[in-house]
Amino acid sequence: MTLTSPQSIQIPTSSLSQSKISAWNRIEEPMWQGSEDDIRKGLPFNLLSPTWQMFLMGDGAPTRHLQLLTQSDISVEVLAMTNIGDDDDNAPSDISLIASPRIRRQIFLRSQQTGEIFSHATSWWSEVAMQKYLKDPSLPIWVSLNQKYTELYRDLKGIYKGACPNLATAFGYPEVDTYWARHYLLWHGGEPITMLYEIYSPAIGKYLGSSSL
């Protein structure tokens, strides 16, 4: 994976009025949704195959998993950094555990070899945590944290299946109109440092196989 040197990040200073805060991509009306208990128990294989369950419901870093799966370096394309203040941002309720003022970061994860987009991720950070743990927003989170030898606990909270029309063109699979997504907290030292919501492209099916049996 190609790394760039750490740099001081610039905290966005855009207006915080509700009308000015842009939307973020999510599964708006899930056709299926699972809880923490479902994640712990595992899902029926006719809903989600074993390989997809290991990927989506394991506690490893998704960027690292994608690198291993595809034998390609993974690039982070930062789409937006948005100051949302103390707004709940229509996010999962776990955002309440992220101290305000908050910054929302939106990215694509791409193959450096093919340019394929494998996932879209939105993360929410307190300004303090972002300055401490994510000095360079263009790096994958796990790379930034590993540089500091930061021990993490990935606390999976929800898993979703459904449509997200805004991503159909970017993912490049017009024949597929449903995607898998999940959200989770990353904890360090007994404190949540960020919440993430990830939506996965059908492109990873080439490496994981069918999402159901």
N, C-alpha and C. Protein backbone atom coordinates (compact mmCIF):
# COMPACT_ATOMS: atom_id res chain seq x y z
N MET A 1 0.85 -1.19 0.00
CA MET A 1 0.00 0.00 0.00
C MET A 1 0.88 1.23 0.00
N THR A 2 0.61 2.16 -0.88
CA THR A 2 1.39 3.38 -0.96
C THR A 2 0.94 4.35 0.12
N LEU A 3 1.89 4.88 0.88
CA LEU A 3 1.57 5.77 1.97
C LEU A 3 2.11 7.15 1.68
N THR A 4 1.45 8.16 2.18
CA THR A 4 1.95 9.52 2.10
C THR A 4 2.35 9.97 3.49
N SER A 5 3.12 11.01 3.57
CA SER A 5 3.60 11.48 4.87
C SER A 5 2.47 12.11 5.65
N PRO A 6 2.46 11.92 6.98
CA PRO A 6 1.45 12.57 7.80
C PRO A 6 1.49 14.08 7.64
N GLN A 7 0.36 14.72 7.73
CA GLN A 7 0.27 16.16 7.61
C GLN A 7 -0.80 16.67 8.56
N SER A 8 -0.74 17.94 8.87
CA SER A 8 -1.76 18.54 9.72
C SER A 8 -3.04 18.68 8.93
N ILE A 9 -4.14 18.20 9.48
CA ILE A 9 -5.40 18.28 8.75
C ILE A 9 -6.04 19.63 8.99
N GLN A 10 -6.83 20.05 8.03
CA GLN A 10 -7.57 21.29 8.13
C GLN A 10 -9.01 20.98 8.50
N ILE A 11 -9.47 21.47 9.64
CA ILE A 11 -10.84 21.25 10.06
C ILE A 11 -11.76 22.15 9.25
N PRO A 12 -12.79 21.60 8.58
CA PRO A 12 -13.70 22.43 7.78
C PRO A 12 -14.37 23.48 8.65
N THR A 13 -14.64 24.62 8.04
CA THR A 13 -15.27 25.72 8.79
C THR A 13 -16.56 26.18 8.13
N SER A 14 -17.19 25.30 7.34
CA SER A 14 -18.41 25.65 6.65
C SER A 14 -19.56 25.87 7.63
N SER A 15 -20.63 26.55 7.16
CA SER A 15 -21.79 26.84 8.00
C SER A 15 -22.39 25.55 8.55
N LEU A 16 -22.91 25.62 9.77
CA LEU A 16 -23.46 24.44 10.41
C LEU A 16 -24.97 24.40 10.41
N SER A 17 -25.63 25.35 9.75
CA SER A 17 -27.08 25.33 9.73
C SER A 17 -27.57 24.07 9.05
N GLN A 18 -28.73 23.54 9.52
CA GLN A 18 -29.24 22.28 9.01
C GLN A 18 -29.37 22.28 7.50
N SER A 19 -29.78 23.42 6.93
CA SER A 19 -29.99 23.48 5.49
C SER A 19 -28.69 23.39 4.71
N LYS A 20 -27.56 23.66 5.39
CA LYS A 20 -26.28 23.68 4.71
C LYS A 20 -25.53 22.36 4.82
N ILE A 21 -25.91 21.49 5.75
CA ILE A 21 -25.20 20.24 5.94
C ILE A 21 -25.63 19.25 4.86
N SER A 22 -24.66 18.79 4.07
CA SER A 22 -24.97 17.90 2.95
C SER A 22 -25.35 16.52 3.46
N ALA A 23 -26.01 15.76 2.60
CA ALA A 23 -26.43 14.41 2.95
C ALA A 23 -25.25 13.45 2.81
N TRP A 24 -25.41 12.25 3.37
CA TRP A 24 -24.41 11.20 3.20
C TRP A 24 -25.12 9.93 2.74
N ASN A 25 -24.38 9.00 2.16
CA ASN A 25 -24.96 7.81 1.56
C ASN A 25 -25.19 6.72 2.60
N ARG A 26 -26.42 6.18 2.57
CA ARG A 26 -26.79 5.11 3.48
C ARG A 26 -27.86 4.26 2.80
N ILE A 27 -28.14 3.09 3.39
CA ILE A 27 -29.28 2.27 2.95
C ILE A 27 -30.51 2.90 3.58
N GLU A 28 -31.30 3.62 2.78
CA GLU A 28 -32.39 4.42 3.33
C GLU A 28 -33.54 3.58 3.87
N GLU A 29 -33.96 2.59 3.13
CA GLU A 29 -35.07 1.74 3.54
C GLU A 29 -34.65 0.27 3.40
N PRO A 30 -33.92 -0.26 4.38
CA PRO A 30 -33.39 -1.62 4.26
C PRO A 30 -34.49 -2.65 4.04
N MET A 31 -34.24 -3.57 3.13
CA MET A 31 -35.14 -4.71 2.96
C MET A 31 -34.88 -5.75 4.05
N TRP A 32 -33.69 -5.65 4.66
CA TRP A 32 -33.36 -6.49 5.81
C TRP A 32 -32.35 -5.72 6.66
N GLN A 33 -32.47 -5.89 7.97
CA GLN A 33 -31.57 -5.20 8.90
C GLN A 33 -31.29 -6.10 10.08
N GLY A 34 -30.03 -6.18 10.48
CA GLY A 34 -29.64 -7.03 11.59
C GLY A 34 -29.07 -6.24 12.75
N SER A 35 -29.21 -6.81 13.95
CA SER A 35 -28.78 -6.16 15.19
C SER A 35 -27.43 -6.71 15.63
N GLU A 36 -26.94 -6.19 16.76
CA GLU A 36 -25.73 -6.73 17.37
C GLU A 36 -25.89 -8.21 17.67
N ASP A 37 -27.07 -8.61 18.13
CA ASP A 37 -27.31 -10.01 18.45
C ASP A 37 -27.24 -10.88 17.20
N ASP A 38 -27.79 -10.40 16.09
CA ASP A 38 -27.70 -11.14 14.82
C ASP A 38 -26.24 -11.29 14.40
N ILE A 39 -25.47 -10.23 14.58
CA ILE A 39 -24.06 -10.27 14.19
C ILE A 39 -23.31 -11.29 15.03
N ARG A 40 -23.59 -11.33 16.33
CA ARG A 40 -22.92 -12.31 17.20
C ARG A 40 -23.28 -13.74 16.82
N LYS A 41 -24.55 -13.99 16.55
CA LYS A 41 -25.01 -15.35 16.25
C LYS A 41 -24.62 -15.80 14.85
N GLY A 42 -24.53 -14.86 13.90
CA GLY A 42 -24.35 -15.21 12.50
C GLY A 42 -25.68 -15.32 11.79
N LEU A 43 -25.66 -15.17 10.48
CA LEU A 43 -26.88 -15.14 9.68
C LEU A 43 -27.06 -16.44 8.91
N PRO A 44 -28.30 -16.76 8.53
CA PRO A 44 -28.51 -17.93 7.66
C PRO A 44 -27.74 -17.76 6.35
N PHE A 45 -27.18 -18.86 5.85
CA PHE A 45 -26.34 -18.76 4.65
C PHE A 45 -27.13 -18.38 3.41
N ASN A 46 -28.47 -18.63 3.41
CA ASN A 46 -29.26 -18.21 2.26
C ASN A 46 -29.48 -16.70 2.26
N LEU A 47 -29.12 -16.05 3.36
CA LEU A 47 -29.18 -14.59 3.43
C LEU A 47 -27.81 -13.99 3.17
N LEU A 48 -26.78 -14.56 3.79
CA LEU A 48 -25.41 -14.07 3.62
C LEU A 48 -24.45 -15.24 3.74
N SER A 49 -23.65 -15.44 2.70
CA SER A 49 -22.78 -16.62 2.63
C SER A 49 -21.68 -16.57 3.69
N PRO A 50 -21.05 -17.71 3.99
CA PRO A 50 -20.00 -17.72 5.01
C PRO A 50 -18.85 -16.77 4.72
N THR A 51 -18.42 -16.70 3.45
CA THR A 51 -17.28 -15.82 3.14
C THR A 51 -17.65 -14.35 3.33
N TRP A 52 -18.85 -13.97 2.92
CA TRP A 52 -19.29 -12.59 3.13
C TRP A 52 -19.47 -12.29 4.62
N GLN A 53 -19.93 -13.28 5.39
CA GLN A 53 -20.07 -13.06 6.83
C GLN A 53 -18.71 -12.84 7.48
N MET A 54 -17.70 -13.60 7.07
CA MET A 54 -16.37 -13.41 7.62
C MET A 54 -15.86 -12.01 7.31
N PHE A 55 -16.18 -11.52 6.11
CA PHE A 55 -15.72 -10.19 5.71
C PHE A 55 -16.47 -9.08 6.43
N LEU A 56 -17.80 -9.17 6.42
CA LEU A 56 -18.63 -8.09 6.96
C LEU A 56 -18.77 -8.13 8.48
N MET A 57 -18.68 -9.31 9.06
CA MET A 57 -18.99 -9.44 10.48
C MET A 57 -17.77 -9.82 11.31
N GLY A 58 -16.60 -9.82 10.67
CA GLY A 58 -15.37 -10.01 11.42
C GLY A 58 -14.88 -8.70 12.00
N ASP A 59 -13.83 -8.77 12.80
CA ASP A 59 -13.37 -7.56 13.48
C ASP A 59 -12.06 -7.02 12.91
N GLY A 60 -11.71 -7.43 11.68
CA GLY A 60 -10.49 -6.94 11.06
C GLY A 60 -10.73 -5.67 10.26
N ALA A 61 -9.62 -5.04 9.83
CA ALA A 61 -9.69 -3.79 9.08
C ALA A 61 -10.13 -4.08 7.64
N PRO A 62 -11.22 -3.47 7.14
CA PRO A 62 -11.70 -3.77 5.80
C PRO A 62 -10.69 -3.42 4.70
N THR A 63 -9.94 -2.33 4.87
CA THR A 63 -8.96 -1.97 3.83
C THR A 63 -7.88 -3.05 3.72
N ARG A 64 -7.43 -3.54 4.85
CA ARG A 64 -6.43 -4.62 4.84
C ARG A 64 -7.02 -5.88 4.22
N HIS A 65 -8.26 -6.22 4.55
CA HIS A 65 -8.90 -7.40 3.95
C HIS A 65 -9.02 -7.25 2.44
N LEU A 66 -9.38 -6.06 1.97
CA LEU A 66 -9.49 -5.83 0.53
C LEU A 66 -8.14 -5.97 -0.16
N GLN A 67 -7.11 -5.49 0.48
CA GLN A 67 -5.77 -5.62 -0.08
C GLN A 67 -5.39 -7.09 -0.25
N LEU A 68 -5.68 -7.90 0.77
CA LEU A 68 -5.36 -9.32 0.71
C LEU A 68 -6.23 -10.06 -0.30
N LEU A 69 -7.51 -9.71 -0.34
CA LEU A 69 -8.44 -10.37 -1.26
C LEU A 69 -8.08 -10.13 -2.72
N THR A 70 -7.72 -8.90 -3.03
CA THR A 70 -7.57 -8.48 -4.44
C THR A 70 -6.13 -8.45 -4.91
N GLN A 71 -5.19 -8.63 -3.98
CA GLN A 71 -3.76 -8.53 -4.29
C GLN A 71 -3.45 -7.20 -5.00
N SER A 72 -4.10 -6.17 -4.52
CA SER A 72 -3.93 -4.83 -5.07
C SER A 72 -3.79 -3.84 -3.93
N ASP A 73 -2.93 -2.84 -4.11
CA ASP A 73 -2.92 -1.74 -3.15
C ASP A 73 -4.26 -1.02 -3.22
N ILE A 74 -4.71 -0.52 -2.10
CA ILE A 74 -6.01 0.14 -2.00
C ILE A 74 -5.79 1.63 -1.76
N SER A 75 -6.43 2.45 -2.59
CA SER A 75 -6.35 3.89 -2.46
C SER A 75 -7.57 4.43 -1.74
N VAL A 76 -7.35 5.46 -0.96
CA VAL A 76 -8.44 6.18 -0.30
C VAL A 76 -8.70 7.46 -1.09
N GLU A 77 -9.91 7.60 -1.60
CA GLU A 77 -10.32 8.82 -2.29
C GLU A 77 -11.24 9.60 -1.34
N VAL A 78 -10.74 10.69 -0.81
CA VAL A 78 -11.53 11.49 0.11
C VAL A 78 -12.51 12.34 -0.69
N LEU A 79 -13.80 12.14 -0.43
CA LEU A 79 -14.85 12.83 -1.17
C LEU A 79 -15.27 14.11 -0.47
N ALA A 80 -15.30 14.09 0.85
CA ALA A 80 -15.75 15.28 1.59
C ALA A 80 -15.32 15.19 3.04
N MET A 81 -15.04 16.34 3.62
CA MET A 81 -14.83 16.50 5.06
C MET A 81 -15.78 17.62 5.48
N THR A 82 -16.76 17.29 6.31
CA THR A 82 -17.84 18.23 6.62
C THR A 82 -17.94 18.46 8.11
N ASN A 83 -17.93 19.71 8.51
CA ASN A 83 -18.11 20.08 9.91
C ASN A 83 -19.62 20.03 10.21
N ILE A 84 -20.04 19.14 11.11
CA ILE A 84 -21.46 19.03 11.43
C ILE A 84 -21.77 19.49 12.85
N GLY A 85 -20.77 19.98 13.57
CA GLY A 85 -21.01 20.50 14.91
C GLY A 85 -21.57 19.44 15.83
N ASP A 86 -22.69 19.75 16.48
CA ASP A 86 -23.33 18.79 17.37
C ASP A 86 -24.57 18.15 16.74
N ASP A 87 -24.74 18.32 15.42
CA ASP A 87 -25.88 17.73 14.72
C ASP A 87 -25.78 16.20 14.76
N ASP A 88 -26.94 15.51 14.84
CA ASP A 88 -26.89 14.04 14.84
C ASP A 88 -26.77 13.49 13.43
N ASP A 89 -26.89 14.33 12.40
CA ASP A 89 -26.57 14.01 11.00
C ASP A 89 -27.43 12.87 10.43
N ASN A 90 -28.58 12.59 11.04
CA ASN A 90 -29.42 11.47 10.61
C ASN A 90 -28.62 10.16 10.60
N ALA A 91 -27.67 10.06 11.50
CA ALA A 91 -26.80 8.90 11.60
C ALA A 91 -27.37 7.90 12.61
N PRO A 92 -26.85 6.67 12.64
CA PRO A 92 -27.26 5.74 13.69
C PRO A 92 -27.08 6.37 15.06
N SER A 93 -27.92 5.95 16.01
CA SER A 93 -27.96 6.60 17.32
C SER A 93 -26.63 6.54 18.06
N ASP A 94 -25.75 5.60 17.67
CA ASP A 94 -24.45 5.50 18.33
C ASP A 94 -23.59 6.73 18.13
N ILE A 95 -23.98 7.63 17.22
CA ILE A 95 -23.22 8.86 17.04
C ILE A 95 -23.18 9.67 18.34
N SER A 96 -24.14 9.42 19.22
CA SER A 96 -24.17 10.16 20.49
C SER A 96 -22.92 9.89 21.33
N LEU A 97 -22.21 8.79 21.04
CA LEU A 97 -21.00 8.45 21.77
C LEU A 97 -19.77 9.18 21.24
N ILE A 98 -19.91 9.85 20.10
CA ILE A 98 -18.81 10.62 19.52
C ILE A 98 -18.98 12.08 19.96
N ALA A 99 -18.00 12.57 20.69
CA ALA A 99 -18.12 13.92 21.26
C ALA A 99 -18.18 14.98 20.16
N SER A 100 -18.95 16.02 20.41
CA SER A 100 -19.02 17.14 19.48
C SER A 100 -18.05 18.22 19.94
N PRO A 101 -17.66 19.11 19.00
CA PRO A 101 -18.08 19.20 17.60
C PRO A 101 -17.49 18.06 16.77
N ARG A 102 -18.28 17.64 15.76
CA ARG A 102 -17.93 16.46 14.98
C ARG A 102 -17.58 16.83 13.53
N ILE A 103 -16.72 15.99 12.94
CA ILE A 103 -16.38 16.07 11.52
C ILE A 103 -16.84 14.79 10.86
N ARG A 104 -17.52 14.92 9.72
CA ARG A 104 -17.91 13.76 8.92
C ARG A 104 -16.95 13.62 7.73
N ARG A 105 -16.38 12.44 7.58
CA ARG A 105 -15.45 12.14 6.49
C ARG A 105 -16.08 11.10 5.58
N GLN A 106 -16.07 11.34 4.26
CA GLN A 106 -16.64 10.41 3.29
C GLN A 106 -15.58 10.02 2.27
N ILE A 107 -15.48 8.71 2.00
CA ILE A 107 -14.42 8.23 1.12
C ILE A 107 -14.92 7.10 0.21
N PHE A 108 -14.16 6.85 -0.85
CA PHE A 108 -14.22 5.61 -1.62
C PHE A 108 -12.93 4.84 -1.35
N LEU A 109 -13.02 3.51 -1.32
CA LEU A 109 -11.84 2.65 -1.34
C LEU A 109 -11.76 2.04 -2.73
N ARG A 110 -10.62 2.28 -3.41
CA ARG A 110 -10.43 1.84 -4.80
C ARG A 110 -9.22 0.91 -4.93
N SER A 111 -9.29 0.03 -5.93
CA SER A 111 -8.13 -0.74 -6.33
C SER A 111 -7.18 0.17 -7.11
N GLN A 112 -5.92 0.19 -6.70
CA GLN A 112 -4.94 0.96 -7.46
C GLN A 112 -4.65 0.33 -8.81
N GLN A 113 -4.90 -0.97 -8.96
CA GLN A 113 -4.62 -1.66 -10.21
C GLN A 113 -5.72 -1.44 -11.25
N THR A 114 -6.97 -1.58 -10.83
CA THR A 114 -8.09 -1.55 -11.78
C THR A 114 -8.94 -0.29 -11.70
N GLY A 115 -8.81 0.45 -10.62
CA GLY A 115 -9.67 1.62 -10.41
C GLY A 115 -11.05 1.30 -9.88
N GLU A 116 -11.33 0.01 -9.67
CA GLU A 116 -12.65 -0.38 -9.15
C GLU A 116 -12.89 0.20 -7.77
N ILE A 117 -14.12 0.62 -7.53
CA ILE A 117 -14.51 1.05 -6.19
C ILE A 117 -15.07 -0.16 -5.45
N PHE A 118 -14.49 -0.46 -4.30
CA PHE A 118 -14.92 -1.60 -3.50
C PHE A 118 -15.88 -1.21 -2.38
N SER A 119 -15.78 0.00 -1.89
CA SER A 119 -16.70 0.40 -0.84
C SER A 119 -16.76 1.91 -0.72
N HIS A 120 -17.84 2.36 -0.13
CA HIS A 120 -18.01 3.76 0.26
C HIS A 120 -18.14 3.77 1.77
N ALA A 121 -17.40 4.67 2.42
CA ALA A 121 -17.44 4.74 3.88
C ALA A 121 -17.65 6.17 4.35
N THR A 122 -18.48 6.30 5.36
CA THR A 122 -18.68 7.56 6.05
C THR A 122 -18.25 7.35 7.49
N SER A 123 -17.45 8.26 8.01
CA SER A 123 -17.04 8.16 9.42
C SER A 123 -17.25 9.50 10.10
N TRP A 124 -17.51 9.42 11.40
CA TRP A 124 -17.74 10.61 12.22
C TRP A 124 -16.70 10.64 13.32
N TRP A 125 -16.07 11.79 13.48
CA TRP A 125 -14.99 11.98 14.45
C TRP A 125 -15.25 13.24 15.27
N SER A 126 -14.83 13.22 16.51
CA SER A 126 -14.72 14.49 17.21
C SER A 126 -13.50 15.22 16.64
N GLU A 127 -13.52 16.54 16.69
CA GLU A 127 -12.38 17.30 16.19
C GLU A 127 -11.10 16.88 16.90
N VAL A 128 -11.20 16.66 18.20
CA VAL A 128 -10.01 16.30 18.98
C VAL A 128 -9.46 14.95 18.53
N ALA A 129 -10.35 13.95 18.36
CA ALA A 129 -9.91 12.61 17.97
C ALA A 129 -9.32 12.62 16.56
N MET A 130 -9.92 13.40 15.65
CA MET A 130 -9.40 13.44 14.28
C MET A 130 -7.99 14.03 14.27
N GLN A 131 -7.78 15.11 15.00
CA GLN A 131 -6.45 15.71 15.04
C GLN A 131 -5.43 14.76 15.66
N LYS A 132 -5.87 13.92 16.60
CA LYS A 132 -4.95 13.02 17.28
C LYS A 132 -4.66 11.76 16.48
N TYR A 133 -5.71 11.16 15.88
CA TYR A 133 -5.56 9.83 15.29
C TYR A 133 -5.54 9.81 13.76
N LEU A 134 -6.01 10.85 13.11
CA LEU A 134 -6.11 10.82 11.65
C LEU A 134 -5.40 12.06 11.08
N LYS A 135 -4.10 12.12 11.28
CA LYS A 135 -3.33 13.28 10.85
C LYS A 135 -3.42 13.49 9.34
N ASP A 136 -3.46 12.38 8.59
CA ASP A 136 -3.55 12.47 7.13
C ASP A 136 -4.84 11.78 6.69
N PRO A 137 -5.89 12.54 6.33
CA PRO A 137 -7.17 11.93 5.96
C PRO A 137 -7.11 11.06 4.71
N SER A 138 -6.03 11.16 3.93
CA SER A 138 -5.93 10.35 2.72
C SER A 138 -5.42 8.94 3.00
N LEU A 139 -5.06 8.65 4.24
CA LEU A 139 -4.62 7.31 4.61
C LEU A 139 -5.78 6.49 5.13
N PRO A 140 -5.78 5.17 4.88
CA PRO A 140 -6.77 4.32 5.54
C PRO A 140 -6.66 4.47 7.05
N ILE A 141 -7.79 4.35 7.74
CA ILE A 141 -7.79 4.53 9.19
C ILE A 141 -6.83 3.55 9.85
N TRP A 142 -6.84 2.28 9.41
CA TRP A 142 -6.01 1.28 10.09
C TRP A 142 -4.53 1.59 9.92
N VAL A 143 -4.14 2.21 8.79
CA VAL A 143 -2.74 2.58 8.59
C VAL A 143 -2.36 3.71 9.55
N SER A 144 -3.22 4.73 9.64
CA SER A 144 -2.95 5.84 10.54
C SER A 144 -2.80 5.36 11.98
N LEU A 145 -3.71 4.48 12.40
CA LEU A 145 -3.68 4.02 13.78
C LEU A 145 -2.53 3.05 14.03
N ASN A 146 -2.20 2.22 13.04
CA ASN A 146 -1.08 1.30 13.21
C ASN A 146 0.25 2.04 13.33
N GLN A 147 0.35 3.20 12.67
CA GLN A 147 1.57 3.99 12.79
C GLN A 147 1.80 4.42 14.23
N LYS A 148 0.72 4.52 15.00
CA LYS A 148 0.82 4.90 16.40
C LYS A 148 0.74 3.68 17.33
N TYR A 149 0.72 2.46 16.73
CA TYR A 149 0.58 1.23 17.51
C TYR A 149 -0.65 1.30 18.42
N THR A 150 -1.74 1.78 17.85
CA THR A 150 -2.97 1.97 18.61
C THR A 150 -3.79 0.69 18.61
N GLU A 151 -4.08 0.17 19.80
CA GLU A 151 -4.91 -1.02 19.90
C GLU A 151 -6.38 -0.62 19.76
N LEU A 152 -7.11 -1.41 18.96
CA LEU A 152 -8.49 -1.06 18.64
C LEU A 152 -9.43 -2.21 18.94
N TYR A 153 -10.67 -1.85 19.26
CA TYR A 153 -11.76 -2.81 19.34
C TYR A 153 -12.84 -2.36 18.36
N ARG A 154 -13.17 -3.24 17.41
CA ARG A 154 -14.18 -2.93 16.40
C ARG A 154 -15.52 -3.47 16.90
N ASP A 155 -16.41 -2.56 17.24
CA ASP A 155 -17.68 -2.87 17.91
C ASP A 155 -18.82 -2.79 16.89
N LEU A 156 -19.12 -3.94 16.27
CA LEU A 156 -20.13 -3.98 15.21
C LEU A 156 -21.52 -3.79 15.81
N LYS A 157 -22.28 -2.86 15.23
CA LYS A 157 -23.58 -2.48 15.79
C LYS A 157 -24.76 -2.84 14.90
N GLY A 158 -24.59 -2.81 13.58
CA GLY A 158 -25.72 -3.06 12.69
C GLY A 158 -25.27 -3.49 11.32
N ILE A 159 -26.11 -4.27 10.66
CA ILE A 159 -25.83 -4.73 9.30
C ILE A 159 -27.11 -4.57 8.48
N TYR A 160 -26.97 -4.20 7.21
CA TYR A 160 -28.12 -3.79 6.41
C TYR A 160 -28.00 -4.32 4.99
N LYS A 161 -29.16 -4.59 4.39
CA LYS A 161 -29.24 -4.95 2.97
C LYS A 161 -30.31 -4.10 2.33
N GLY A 162 -29.97 -3.44 1.22
CA GLY A 162 -30.96 -2.60 0.56
C GLY A 162 -30.35 -1.75 -0.53
N ALA A 163 -31.12 -0.81 -1.01
CA ALA A 163 -30.73 0.02 -2.15
C ALA A 163 -30.07 1.31 -1.68
N CYS A 164 -29.18 1.82 -2.52
CA CYS A 164 -28.59 3.14 -2.35
C CYS A 164 -28.35 3.69 -3.75
N PRO A 165 -29.39 4.25 -4.39
CA PRO A 165 -29.29 4.65 -5.80
C PRO A 165 -28.15 5.63 -6.08
N ASN A 166 -27.77 6.44 -5.12
CA ASN A 166 -26.70 7.41 -5.34
C ASN A 166 -25.36 6.76 -5.67
N LEU A 167 -25.20 5.49 -5.27
CA LEU A 167 -23.92 4.82 -5.50
C LEU A 167 -23.93 3.91 -6.72
N ALA A 168 -25.07 3.75 -7.37
CA ALA A 168 -25.18 2.79 -8.48
C ALA A 168 -24.19 3.11 -9.60
N THR A 169 -24.10 4.36 -9.97
CA THR A 169 -23.19 4.74 -11.07
C THR A 169 -21.74 4.55 -10.66
N ALA A 170 -21.40 4.97 -9.45
CA ALA A 170 -20.01 4.86 -8.98
C ALA A 170 -19.58 3.40 -8.90
N PHE A 171 -20.45 2.54 -8.40
CA PHE A 171 -20.10 1.13 -8.27
C PHE A 171 -20.02 0.44 -9.63
N GLY A 172 -20.78 0.91 -10.61
CA GLY A 172 -20.66 0.39 -11.97
C GLY A 172 -21.33 -0.95 -12.21
N TYR A 173 -22.35 -1.27 -11.42
CA TYR A 173 -23.09 -2.51 -11.61
C TYR A 173 -24.58 -2.18 -11.70
N PRO A 174 -25.02 -1.64 -12.84
CA PRO A 174 -26.42 -1.20 -12.94
C PRO A 174 -27.43 -2.33 -12.78
N GLU A 175 -26.99 -3.57 -13.00
CA GLU A 175 -27.91 -4.69 -12.87
C GLU A 175 -28.13 -5.09 -11.41
N VAL A 176 -27.32 -4.55 -10.50
CA VAL A 176 -27.44 -4.87 -9.07
C VAL A 176 -27.98 -3.64 -8.35
N ASP A 177 -29.11 -3.78 -7.69
CA ASP A 177 -29.71 -2.62 -7.04
C ASP A 177 -29.79 -2.75 -5.52
N THR A 178 -29.16 -3.79 -4.98
CA THR A 178 -29.12 -3.92 -3.52
C THR A 178 -27.67 -4.17 -3.08
N TYR A 179 -27.34 -3.60 -1.92
CA TYR A 179 -25.98 -3.69 -1.40
C TYR A 179 -26.02 -4.07 0.07
N TRP A 180 -24.89 -4.55 0.55
CA TRP A 180 -24.72 -4.81 1.97
C TRP A 180 -23.97 -3.65 2.61
N ALA A 181 -24.36 -3.32 3.83
CA ALA A 181 -23.72 -2.24 4.58
C ALA A 181 -23.64 -2.64 6.04
N ARG A 182 -22.82 -1.91 6.78
CA ARG A 182 -22.71 -2.14 8.22
C ARG A 182 -22.29 -0.84 8.90
N HIS A 183 -22.54 -0.75 10.20
CA HIS A 183 -21.97 0.37 10.95
C HIS A 183 -21.38 -0.15 12.25
N TYR A 184 -20.35 0.54 12.72
CA TYR A 184 -19.65 0.09 13.92
C TYR A 184 -18.89 1.25 14.55
N LEU A 185 -18.49 1.03 15.79
CA LEU A 185 -17.63 1.97 16.52
C LEU A 185 -16.23 1.38 16.62
N LEU A 186 -15.22 2.25 16.57
CA LEU A 186 -13.85 1.86 16.89
C LEU A 186 -13.52 2.43 18.27
N TRP A 187 -13.11 1.54 19.17
CA TRP A 187 -12.77 1.94 20.53
C TRP A 187 -11.27 1.85 20.75
N HIS A 188 -10.75 2.77 21.55
CA HIS A 188 -9.36 2.72 21.99
C HIS A 188 -9.28 3.26 23.41
N GLY A 189 -8.63 2.51 24.29
CA GLY A 189 -8.48 2.96 25.66
C GLY A 189 -9.78 3.18 26.38
N GLY A 190 -10.80 2.38 26.05
CA GLY A 190 -12.09 2.50 26.70
C GLY A 190 -12.95 3.64 26.19
N GLU A 191 -12.52 4.30 25.10
CA GLU A 191 -13.27 5.42 24.53
C GLU A 191 -13.54 5.17 23.04
N PRO A 192 -14.76 5.50 22.55
CA PRO A 192 -15.02 5.39 21.11
C PRO A 192 -14.35 6.56 20.39
N ILE A 193 -13.52 6.27 19.39
CA ILE A 193 -12.82 7.36 18.69
C ILE A 193 -13.48 7.73 17.37
N THR A 194 -14.25 6.81 16.78
CA THR A 194 -14.96 7.14 15.55
C THR A 194 -16.09 6.14 15.33
N MET A 195 -17.12 6.54 14.60
CA MET A 195 -18.18 5.64 14.13
C MET A 195 -18.13 5.61 12.61
N LEU A 196 -18.29 4.42 12.05
CA LEU A 196 -18.23 4.25 10.59
C LEU A 196 -19.48 3.58 10.07
N TYR A 197 -19.87 3.98 8.86
CA TYR A 197 -20.97 3.35 8.12
C TYR A 197 -20.41 3.03 6.74
N GLU A 198 -20.34 1.74 6.39
CA GLU A 198 -19.71 1.29 5.15
C GLU A 198 -20.73 0.59 4.25
N ILE A 199 -20.70 0.90 2.96
CA ILE A 199 -21.53 0.25 1.95
C ILE A 199 -20.60 -0.42 0.96
N TYR A 200 -20.86 -1.70 0.66
CA TYR A 200 -19.93 -2.48 -0.14
C TYR A 200 -20.43 -2.70 -1.57
N SER A 201 -19.50 -2.57 -2.50
CA SER A 201 -19.80 -2.72 -3.93
C SER A 201 -19.93 -4.20 -4.30
N PRO A 202 -20.77 -4.51 -5.30
CA PRO A 202 -20.83 -5.88 -5.81
C PRO A 202 -19.49 -6.34 -6.39
N ALA A 203 -18.55 -5.41 -6.63
CA ALA A 203 -17.26 -5.78 -7.20
C ALA A 203 -16.52 -6.79 -6.35
N ILE A 204 -16.73 -6.77 -5.02
CA ILE A 204 -15.99 -7.72 -4.19
C ILE A 204 -16.53 -9.13 -4.32
N GLY A 205 -17.69 -9.28 -4.98
CA GLY A 205 -18.21 -10.63 -5.24
C GLY A 205 -17.28 -11.46 -6.11
N LYS A 206 -16.44 -10.78 -6.92
CA LYS A 206 -15.48 -11.50 -7.75
C LYS A 206 -14.46 -12.25 -6.88
N TYR A 207 -14.28 -11.78 -5.66
CA TYR A 207 -13.27 -12.35 -4.78
C TYR A 207 -13.88 -13.17 -3.65
N LEU A 208 -15.09 -12.79 -3.22
CA LEU A 208 -15.74 -13.49 -2.12
C LEU A 208 -16.76 -14.53 -2.61
N GLY A 209 -17.12 -14.47 -3.89
CA GLY A 209 -18.18 -15.33 -4.40
C GLY A 209 -19.55 -14.72 -4.15
N SER A 210 -20.58 -15.52 -4.38
CA SER A 210 -21.95 -15.03 -4.22
C SER A 210 -22.20 -14.62 -2.77
N SER A 211 -23.01 -13.57 -2.59
CA SER A 211 -23.31 -13.10 -1.23
C SER A 211 -24.32 -13.99 -0.51
N SER A 212 -24.92 -14.97 -1.21
CA SER A 212 -25.83 -15.90 -0.55
C SER A 212 -25.69 -17.28 -1.18
N LEU A 213 -26.08 -18.31 -0.43
CA LEU A 213 -26.00 -19.69 -0.93
C LEU A 213 -27.39 -20.22 -1.23
